[in-house]
């Protein structure tokens, strides 16, 4: 009875040890896979960060050019409108001189 209990305990201890070894190996495989995935994600994030920085520099340059263009085109429109208003005024004065009101 003692030897059968002892042999059952040894078998139980061995199976528990085998299960623990198997779980440890699985845990190691999962952790290595997770490490590889995290390493690849970090690499991808670094590449994306580089692209974002380059795009930010380009965007800043284009924004400066657009502001410069907007300032110059705004002045052009103002002068064009002033010219049109002056021409309408001159034509109106000439029209009044050529065709005075009859009393």
Protein backbone atom coordinates (compact mmCIF):
# COMPACT_ATOMS: atom_id res chain seq x y z
CA UNK A 1 0.00 0.00 0.00
CA UNK A 2 2.85 2.32 0.92
CA UNK A 3 4.73 1.50 -2.30
CA UNK A 4 1.64 2.00 -4.45
CA UNK A 5 0.96 5.35 -2.76
CA UNK A 6 4.62 6.24 -3.20
CA UNK A 7 4.61 5.25 -6.87
CA UNK A 8 1.39 7.21 -7.44
CA UNK A 9 3.00 10.22 -5.79
CA UNK A 10 6.11 9.86 -7.98
CA UNK A 11 3.97 9.54 -11.14
CA UNK A 12 1.87 12.50 -10.03
CA UNK A 13 4.99 14.54 -9.29
CA UNK A 14 6.49 13.61 -12.68
CA UNK A 15 3.31 14.51 -14.56
CA UNK A 16 3.09 17.79 -12.65
CA UNK A 17 6.74 18.46 -13.47
CA UNK A 18 6.14 17.61 -17.13
CA UNK A 19 3.11 19.94 -17.21
CA UNK A 20 5.10 22.73 -15.60
CA UNK A 21 7.94 22.19 -18.09
CA UNK A 22 5.47 22.24 -20.98
CA UNK A 23 3.79 25.40 -19.66
CA UNK A 24 7.19 27.04 -19.15
CA UNK A 25 8.19 26.24 -22.74
CA UNK A 26 4.86 27.61 -24.01
CA UNK A 27 5.32 30.74 -21.93
CA UNK A 28 8.82 31.20 -23.33
CA UNK A 29 7.55 30.79 -26.92
CA UNK A 30 4.76 33.30 -26.30
CA UNK A 31 7.11 35.80 -24.68
CA UNK A 32 9.64 35.47 -27.54
CA UNK A 33 6.84 35.97 -30.08
CA UNK A 34 5.58 39.01 -28.14
CA UNK A 35 9.11 40.43 -27.99
CA UNK A 36 9.49 40.02 -31.76
CA UNK A 37 6.13 41.68 -32.40
CA UNK A 38 6.95 44.57 -30.07
CA UNK A 39 10.35 45.00 -31.75
CA UNK A 40 8.68 45.11 -35.20
CA UNK A 41 6.06 47.57 -33.93
CA UNK A 42 8.79 49.83 -32.53
CA UNK A 43 10.59 49.70 -35.88
CA UNK A 44 7.35 50.58 -37.71
CA UNK A 45 6.66 53.44 -35.29
CA UNK A 46 10.15 54.79 -35.85
CA UNK A 47 9.66 54.73 -39.63
CA UNK A 48 6.25 56.40 -39.32
CA UNK A 49 7.74 59.04 -37.02
CA UNK A 50 10.41 59.82 -39.63
CA UNK A 51 7.76 60.18 -42.34
CA UNK A 52 5.66 62.43 -40.10
CA UNK A 53 8.66 64.66 -39.38
CA UNK A 54 9.46 64.97 -43.09
CA UNK A 55 5.82 65.77 -43.89
CA UNK A 56 5.69 68.35 -41.10
CA UNK A 57 8.73 70.12 -42.57
CA UNK A 58 7.16 70.07 -46.04
CA UNK A 59 3.86 71.33 -44.65
CA UNK A 60 5.59 74.19 -42.86
CA UNK A 61 7.37 75.17 -46.08
CA UNK A 62 4.17 75.03 -48.13
CA UNK A 63 2.29 77.03 -45.48
CA UNK A 64 4.92 79.78 -45.63
CA UNK A 65 4.66 79.90 -49.43
CA UNK A 66 0.87 80.02 -49.26
CA UNK A 67 0.92 82.87 -46.74
CA UNK A 68 3.32 84.80 -48.96
CA UNK A 69 1.09 84.20 -51.98
CA UNK A 70 -2.04 85.23 -50.07
CA UNK A 71 -0.45 88.48 -48.94
CA UNK A 72 0.69 89.44 -52.44
CA UNK A 73 -2.55 88.42 -54.14
CA UNK A 74 -4.57 90.36 -51.55
CA UNK A 75 -2.67 93.53 -52.39
CA UNK A 76 -3.23 92.91 -56.09
CA UNK A 77 -7.00 92.61 -55.63
CA UNK A 78 -7.14 95.76 -53.52
CA UNK A 79 -5.33 97.79 -56.17
CA UNK A 80 -7.51 96.30 -58.91
CA UNK A 81 -10.70 97.25 -57.08
CA UNK A 82 -9.40 100.78 -56.38
CA UNK A 83 -8.65 101.15 -60.10
CA UNK A 84 -12.13 99.96 -61.08
CA UNK A 85 -13.80 102.37 -58.62
CA UNK A 86 -11.71 105.29 -59.96
CA UNK A 87 -12.55 104.43 -63.57
CA UNK A 88 -16.28 104.26 -62.75
CA UNK A 89 -16.03 107.65 -61.02
CA UNK A 90 -14.25 109.23 -64.02
CA UNK A 91 -16.78 107.76 -66.47
CA UNK A 92 -19.63 109.02 -64.28
CA UNK A 93 -18.15 112.57 -64.21
CA UNK A 94 -17.72 112.54 -68.00
CA UNK A 95 -21.28 111.26 -68.45
CA UNK A 96 -22.67 114.05 -66.23
CA UNK A 97 -20.68 116.70 -68.16
CA UNK A 98 -21.81 115.38 -71.54
CA UNK A 99 -25.48 114.97 -70.57
CA UNK A 100 -26.44 117.64 -68.05
CA UNK A 101 -29.95 117.62 -66.50
CA UNK A 102 -32.47 119.71 -68.34
CA UNK A 103 -34.43 122.16 -66.19
